[in-house]
Amino acid sequence: RIDRAWMGTTVTCPILRYSPAVVAEAFASLSLLYPGRIFLGVGSGEALNEHAATGQWPDWEERWQRLIEAIGVIRQLWTGQHVSHRGKYYKVDARLYDAPPEPIPILTAANGKKAMRLAGEHGDGLITDPATWKEYKSEWETGARAAGKDPAAMPVIAEKFVVVGGKEEAEEAAALWRFIPKAFESYFGIG
């Protein structure tokens, strides 16, 4: 009913549990239902999810290499053309017959210096937290400019966790969400 709302994930991980081809297909379908209103937020994953589901948890460098390759596969599939991809991590021989009617922005999640630069280089926008944005904004902008993009024209989503209630409610929320980097530092000190 709201025609201007933007919808997407903050974030999904298309590197281990979910094949980039499956993610591409799901978001292409969503874009047909809601043209111009969908974005895809991607990240390099969390051990809590990826290791639990696959038994794998590669080092940071490999996870980002996988993410960069996955972003490329997703974009290729969204063209609607046949894709025969034989990469380091993914093999795809497929075509999406219902391609997105317009490009779907890919917002890349990052929360550290190297990740911010890569996110600027490979994403169409950014998902981060306020502290990372403040500290590493210039890294993201440098990465975007290196890829020929204007960072001022790219969307940025800064996630901030808020609990409505008192200390008890905050402690309960922190216990449930403690695995998210920088979510509840004052309660768990995991940032």
Protein backbone atom coordinates (compact mmCIF):
# COMPACT_ATOMS: atom_id res chain seq x y z
CA ARG A 1 0.00 0.00 0.00
CA ILE A 2 2.99 2.30 0.41
CA ASP A 3 4.47 2.91 -3.00
CA ARG A 4 7.74 4.56 -1.94
CA ALA A 5 9.05 2.14 0.70
CA TRP A 6 12.32 0.40 -0.08
CA MET A 7 12.67 -3.26 0.97
CA GLY A 8 15.68 -5.52 1.29
CA THR A 9 17.87 -7.63 3.51
CA THR A 10 20.31 -6.25 6.03
CA VAL A 11 21.97 -8.69 5.29
CA THR A 12 21.98 -12.07 3.63
CA CYS A 13 25.10 -14.10 2.99
CA PRO A 14 25.34 -15.67 -0.48
CA ILE A 15 28.66 -17.45 0.07
CA LEU A 16 28.02 -20.76 1.86
CA ARG A 17 24.46 -21.56 3.03
CA TYR A 18 22.79 -19.81 0.12
CA SER A 19 23.95 -20.16 -3.46
CA PRO A 20 24.36 -16.85 -5.27
CA ALA A 21 22.09 -18.23 -8.01
CA VAL A 22 19.28 -18.89 -5.52
CA VAL A 23 19.68 -15.40 -4.03
CA ALA A 24 19.63 -13.88 -7.54
CA GLU A 25 16.43 -15.75 -8.39
CA ALA A 26 14.67 -14.79 -5.15
CA PHE A 27 15.41 -11.09 -5.53
CA ALA A 28 14.57 -11.09 -9.23
CA SER A 29 11.15 -12.48 -8.26
CA LEU A 30 10.71 -9.84 -5.55
CA SER A 31 11.62 -7.10 -8.02
CA LEU A 32 8.86 -8.27 -10.35
CA LEU A 33 6.36 -7.91 -7.52
CA TYR A 34 7.76 -4.56 -6.33
CA PRO A 35 9.63 -2.91 -9.23
CA GLY A 36 12.09 -0.25 -8.15
CA ARG A 37 11.51 -0.96 -4.45
CA ILE A 38 13.92 -3.83 -3.78
CA PHE A 39 17.55 -3.82 -2.70
CA LEU A 40 19.79 -6.75 -1.82
CA GLY A 41 21.99 -6.38 1.25
CA VAL A 42 24.87 -8.87 1.25
CA GLY A 43 27.71 -9.64 3.62
CA SER A 44 30.50 -12.11 4.26
CA GLY A 45 28.53 -13.97 6.92
CA GLU A 46 28.62 -14.82 10.60
CA ALA A 47 30.05 -18.01 12.03
CA LEU A 48 26.86 -18.50 14.02
CA ASN A 49 24.94 -19.06 10.79
CA GLU A 50 27.43 -20.23 8.20
CA HIS A 51 29.41 -22.67 10.33
CA ALA A 52 26.32 -24.06 12.01
CA ALA A 53 24.68 -24.75 8.64
CA THR A 54 27.66 -25.89 6.58
CA GLY A 55 30.48 -26.84 8.96
CA GLN A 56 32.63 -24.28 7.14
CA TRP A 57 33.98 -20.96 8.31
CA PRO A 58 36.76 -19.76 6.01
CA ASP A 59 39.07 -16.93 7.02
CA TRP A 60 38.09 -13.31 6.37
CA GLU A 61 40.02 -13.06 3.10
CA GLU A 62 38.34 -16.12 1.58
CA ARG A 63 34.89 -15.04 2.72
CA TRP A 64 35.35 -11.69 0.96
CA GLN A 65 36.70 -13.37 -2.19
CA ARG A 66 33.61 -15.57 -2.17
CA LEU A 67 31.37 -12.54 -1.62
CA ILE A 68 32.93 -10.61 -4.50
CA GLU A 69 32.52 -13.60 -6.83
CA ALA A 70 28.93 -14.12 -5.62
CA ILE A 71 28.05 -10.47 -6.32
CA GLY A 72 29.37 -10.92 -9.86
CA VAL A 73 27.31 -14.08 -10.40
CA ILE A 74 24.16 -12.41 -9.08
CA ARG A 75 24.61 -9.40 -11.37
CA GLN A 76 25.23 -11.64 -14.38
CA LEU A 77 22.08 -13.65 -13.70
CA TRP A 78 20.02 -10.48 -13.34
CA THR A 79 20.78 -9.63 -16.99
CA GLY A 80 18.44 -12.44 -18.08
CA GLN A 81 21.18 -13.85 -20.29
CA HIS A 82 22.50 -17.40 -20.03
CA VAL A 83 25.34 -17.52 -17.52
CA SER A 84 28.09 -20.09 -17.72
CA HIS A 85 30.33 -19.20 -14.80
CA ARG A 86 33.29 -21.32 -13.70
CA GLY A 87 34.90 -19.38 -10.89
CA LYS A 88 37.12 -20.23 -7.99
CA TYR A 89 34.17 -20.89 -5.67
CA TYR A 90 31.01 -21.14 -7.79
CA LYS A 91 29.92 -22.97 -10.88
CA VAL A 92 26.72 -21.70 -12.45
CA ASP A 93 25.15 -22.77 -15.72
CA ALA A 94 21.77 -21.08 -15.66
CA ARG A 95 19.47 -18.34 -16.87
CA LEU A 96 16.78 -16.37 -15.07
CA TYR A 97 13.85 -16.18 -17.44
CA ASP A 98 12.19 -13.47 -15.38
CA ALA A 99 14.99 -10.98 -14.98
CA PRO A 100 14.50 -7.85 -12.86
CA PRO A 101 12.75 -5.08 -14.82
CA GLU A 102 15.44 -2.63 -13.62
CA PRO A 103 18.76 -2.99 -11.80
CA ILE A 104 18.54 -4.04 -8.17
CA PRO A 105 21.02 -2.17 -5.96
CA ILE A 106 23.38 -4.39 -3.99
CA LEU A 107 24.27 -2.88 -0.63
CA THR A 108 27.34 -4.48 0.88
CA ALA A 109 27.78 -4.82 4.64
CA ALA A 110 31.05 -3.87 6.26
CA ASN A 111 32.33 -3.08 9.74
CA GLY A 112 36.11 -2.74 9.46
CA LYS A 113 38.71 -0.79 7.48
CA LYS A 114 39.45 -3.36 4.75
CA ALA A 115 35.81 -4.40 4.45
CA MET A 116 34.68 -0.79 4.05
CA ARG A 117 37.02 -0.27 1.09
CA LEU A 118 35.87 -3.50 -0.57
CA ALA A 119 32.22 -2.63 0.08
CA GLY A 120 32.70 0.70 -1.66
CA GLU A 121 34.41 -0.97 -4.58
CA HIS A 122 31.97 -3.84 -5.13
CA GLY A 123 28.62 -2.61 -3.81
CA ASP A 124 26.07 -0.07 -4.95
CA GLY A 125 25.62 1.11 -1.37
CA LEU A 126 26.60 0.28 2.19
CA ILE A 127 25.19 -1.28 5.34
CA THR A 128 27.21 -0.61 8.49
CA ASP A 129 26.99 0.69 12.03
CA PRO A 130 27.39 4.33 13.13
CA ALA A 131 30.83 3.82 14.74
CA THR A 132 32.27 2.12 11.65
CA TRP A 133 30.76 4.79 9.39
CA LYS A 134 32.34 7.54 11.46
CA GLU A 135 35.76 5.86 11.60
CA TYR A 136 36.04 4.39 8.09
CA LYS A 137 33.76 6.45 5.84
CA SER A 138 36.79 7.62 3.85
CA GLU A 139 37.80 4.00 3.13
CA TRP A 140 34.37 3.29 1.68
CA GLU A 141 34.46 6.46 -0.40
CA THR A 142 37.95 5.60 -1.67
CA GLY A 143 36.80 2.13 -2.72
CA ALA A 144 33.74 3.54 -4.49
CA ARG A 145 35.79 6.17 -6.35
CA ALA A 146 38.38 3.55 -7.34
CA ALA A 147 35.53 1.67 -9.05
CA GLY A 148 34.35 4.83 -10.84
CA LYS A 149 31.35 5.48 -8.59
CA ASP A 150 30.19 8.64 -6.85
CA PRO A 151 29.84 7.80 -3.13
CA ALA A 152 27.57 10.82 -2.63
CA ALA A 153 25.01 9.15 -4.92
CA MET A 154 25.15 5.77 -3.14
CA PRO A 155 22.75 4.79 -0.33
CA VAL A 156 24.09 4.13 3.17
CA ILE A 157 22.16 2.30 5.89
CA ALA A 158 23.58 2.65 9.40
CA GLU A 159 22.12 0.10 11.79
CA LYS A 160 21.69 1.15 15.39
CA PHE A 161 20.26 -1.23 17.95
CA VAL A 162 17.70 0.19 20.34
CA VAL A 163 15.75 -1.47 23.12
CA VAL A 164 12.55 0.06 24.42
CA GLY A 165 12.44 -0.54 28.14
CA GLY A 166 14.79 -0.63 31.06
CA LYS A 167 18.00 -2.42 31.90
CA GLU A 168 16.29 -5.81 32.23
CA GLU A 169 14.83 -5.61 28.71
CA ALA A 170 18.20 -4.47 27.35
CA GLU A 171 19.96 -7.41 29.00
CA GLU A 172 17.39 -9.85 27.54
CA ALA A 173 17.82 -8.38 24.06
CA ALA A 174 21.61 -8.43 24.39
CA ALA A 175 21.53 -12.11 25.36
CA LEU A 176 19.54 -12.93 22.22
CA TRP A 177 21.52 -10.72 19.80
CA ARG A 178 25.03 -10.81 21.32
CA PHE A 179 26.51 -12.43 18.19
CA ILE A 180 25.96 -9.32 16.05
CA PRO A 181 29.13 -7.20 15.91
CA LYS A 182 28.79 -3.95 17.86
CA ALA A 183 25.13 -4.58 18.71
CA PHE A 184 25.31 -4.49 22.49
CA GLU A 185 28.90 -3.64 23.36
CA SER A 186 28.03 -2.20 26.73
CA TYR A 187 26.54 -5.51 27.82
CA PHE A 188 28.85 -8.02 26.17
CA GLY A 189 31.90 -6.10 24.94
CA ILE A 190 32.06 -8.06 21.70
CA GLY A 191 32.68 -5.15 19.28
